[in-house]
């Protein structure tokens, strides 16, 4: 069987309150709001560092140290048929 599609969205400087926030009666993030309410979302997300590059690196490697050996999220997804 084919792997289930995965969509990862990386945002910079985005606070979770913006999903349902309106400014002057207009939604600030209407597409993300719709996705959050009709798909899957997480109300808890934490990072080890406030910098985007390092945060993305940690997400894909699955660890906060600089050790480049071992398995990563990319390896795990590849083993499950993703490319």
C-alpha atoms as a PDB file:
ATOM      1  CA  UNK A   1       0.000   0.000   0.000  1.00  0.00           C
ATOM      2  CA  UNK A   2       1.011   3.583  -0.539  1.00  0.00           C
ATOM      3  CA  UNK A   3       1.989   5.711   2.442  1.00  0.00           C
ATOM      4  CA  UNK A   4      -0.559   8.168   3.806  1.00  0.00           C
ATOM      5  CA  UNK A   5       0.197  11.726   2.623  1.00  0.00           C
ATOM      6  CA  UNK A   6       1.922  13.927   5.189  1.00  0.00           C
ATOM      7  CA  UNK A   7       1.825  17.715   5.159  1.00  0.00           C
ATOM      8  CA  UNK A   8       4.285  19.577   7.363  1.00  0.00           C
ATOM      9  CA  UNK A   9       3.839  23.315   7.674  1.00  0.00           C
ATOM     10  CA  UNK A  10       6.694  25.366   9.076  1.00  0.00           C
ATOM     11  CA  UNK A  11       5.834  28.838  10.255  1.00  0.00           C
ATOM     12  CA  UNK A  12       8.096  31.588  11.502  1.00  0.00           C
ATOM     13  CA  UNK A  13       7.003  34.014  14.170  1.00  0.00           C
ATOM     14  CA  UNK A  14       3.567  32.450  14.387  1.00  0.00           C
ATOM     15  CA  UNK A  15       1.636  32.181  17.636  1.00  0.00           C
ATOM     16  CA  UNK A  16      -1.135  29.579  17.941  1.00  0.00           C
ATOM     17  CA  UNK A  17      -3.636  32.280  18.937  1.00  0.00           C
ATOM     18  CA  UNK A  18      -3.565  33.558  15.346  1.00  0.00           C
ATOM     19  CA  UNK A  19      -5.456  30.507  14.063  1.00  0.00           C
ATOM     20  CA  UNK A  20      -8.812  31.901  15.199  1.00  0.00           C
ATOM     21  CA  UNK A  21      -7.792  35.535  15.561  1.00  0.00           C
ATOM     22  CA  UNK A  22      -9.614  38.291  13.683  1.00  0.00           C
ATOM     23  CA  UNK A  23      -8.489  41.854  13.107  1.00  0.00           C
ATOM     24  CA  UNK A  24     -11.165  44.413  12.256  1.00  0.00           C
ATOM     25  CA  UNK A  25     -13.595  41.543  11.746  1.00  0.00           C
ATOM     26  CA  UNK A  26     -11.386  39.718   9.225  1.00  0.00           C
ATOM     27  CA  UNK A  27      -9.598  36.437  10.002  1.00  0.00           C
ATOM     28  CA  UNK A  28      -5.810  36.788  10.127  1.00  0.00           C
ATOM     29  CA  UNK A  29      -5.068  33.219   8.977  1.00  0.00           C
ATOM     30  CA  UNK A  30      -8.240  31.851   7.331  1.00  0.00           C
ATOM     31  CA  UNK A  31      -6.595  28.969   5.468  1.00  0.00           C
ATOM     32  CA  UNK A  32      -4.657  27.773   8.496  1.00  0.00           C
ATOM     33  CA  UNK A  33      -7.791  28.108  10.627  1.00  0.00           C
ATOM     34  CA  UNK A  34      -9.742  25.945   8.203  1.00  0.00           C
ATOM     35  CA  UNK A  35      -6.936  23.377   8.077  1.00  0.00           C
ATOM     36  CA  UNK A  36      -6.627  23.305  11.866  1.00  0.00           C
ATOM     37  CA  UNK A  37     -10.354  22.710  12.313  1.00  0.00           C
ATOM     38  CA  UNK A  38     -10.889  20.190   9.518  1.00  0.00           C
ATOM     39  CA  UNK A  39      -7.599  18.304   9.653  1.00  0.00           C
ATOM     40  CA  UNK A  40      -5.209  17.481  12.419  1.00  0.00           C
ATOM     41  CA  UNK A  41      -3.498  20.026  14.618  1.00  0.00           C
ATOM     42  CA  UNK A  42      -1.589  20.132  17.860  1.00  0.00           C
ATOM     43  CA  UNK A  43      -2.174  22.598  20.645  1.00  0.00           C
ATOM     44  CA  UNK A  44       1.272  21.861  22.094  1.00  0.00           C
ATOM     45  CA  UNK A  45       4.450  22.371  20.166  1.00  0.00           C
ATOM     46  CA  UNK A  46       7.808  23.055  21.751  1.00  0.00           C
ATOM     47  CA  UNK A  47      11.236  23.849  20.396  1.00  0.00           C
ATOM     48  CA  UNK A  48      14.648  23.702  21.966  1.00  0.00           C
ATOM     49  CA  UNK A  49      15.735  26.924  20.322  1.00  0.00           C
ATOM     50  CA  UNK A  50      13.866  29.979  19.026  1.00  0.00           C
ATOM     51  CA  UNK A  51      15.754  29.955  15.713  1.00  0.00           C
ATOM     52  CA  UNK A  52      13.989  28.451  12.703  1.00  0.00           C
ATOM     53  CA  UNK A  53      16.959  26.681  11.089  1.00  0.00           C
ATOM     54  CA  UNK A  54      17.963  24.853  14.261  1.00  0.00           C
ATOM     55  CA  UNK A  55      14.321  24.043  15.097  1.00  0.00           C
ATOM     56  CA  UNK A  56      13.758  22.450  11.693  1.00  0.00           C
ATOM     57  CA  UNK A  57      17.020  20.544  11.986  1.00  0.00           C
ATOM     58  CA  UNK A  58      15.959  19.191  15.394  1.00  0.00           C
ATOM     59  CA  UNK A  59      12.547  18.162  14.082  1.00  0.00           C
ATOM     60  CA  UNK A  60      14.001  16.122  11.243  1.00  0.00           C
ATOM     61  CA  UNK A  61      16.892  14.644  13.227  1.00  0.00           C
ATOM     62  CA  UNK A  62      14.801  13.912  16.315  1.00  0.00           C
ATOM     63  CA  UNK A  63      17.427  15.133  18.754  1.00  0.00           C
ATOM     64  CA  UNK A  64      18.799  18.397  20.093  1.00  0.00           C
ATOM     65  CA  UNK A  65      22.516  17.629  20.039  1.00  0.00           C
ATOM     66  CA  UNK A  66      24.864  18.062  17.112  1.00  0.00           C
ATOM     67  CA  UNK A  67      25.515  14.330  16.710  1.00  0.00           C
ATOM     68  CA  UNK A  68      24.962  13.587  13.017  1.00  0.00           C
ATOM     69  CA  UNK A  69      25.125   9.799  13.424  1.00  0.00           C
ATOM     70  CA  UNK A  70      22.123   7.566  13.881  1.00  0.00           C
ATOM     71  CA  UNK A  71      18.624   7.612  12.482  1.00  0.00           C
ATOM     72  CA  UNK A  72      16.484  10.612  11.683  1.00  0.00           C
ATOM     73  CA  UNK A  73      12.863  11.345  10.803  1.00  0.00           C
ATOM     74  CA  UNK A  74      13.924  11.255   7.137  1.00  0.00           C
ATOM     75  CA  UNK A  75      15.306   7.720   7.598  1.00  0.00           C
ATOM     76  CA  UNK A  76      12.118   6.570   9.335  1.00  0.00           C
ATOM     77  CA  UNK A  77       9.878   8.034   6.620  1.00  0.00           C
ATOM     78  CA  UNK A  78      12.042   6.538   3.861  1.00  0.00           C
ATOM     79  CA  UNK A  79      11.730   3.087   5.477  1.00  0.00           C
ATOM     80  CA  UNK A  80       7.944   3.494   5.361  1.00  0.00           C
ATOM     81  CA  UNK A  81       7.862   4.220   1.640  1.00  0.00           C
ATOM     82  CA  UNK A  82       8.076   8.013   1.584  1.00  0.00           C
ATOM     83  CA  UNK A  83      10.448   9.795  -0.760  1.00  0.00           C
END
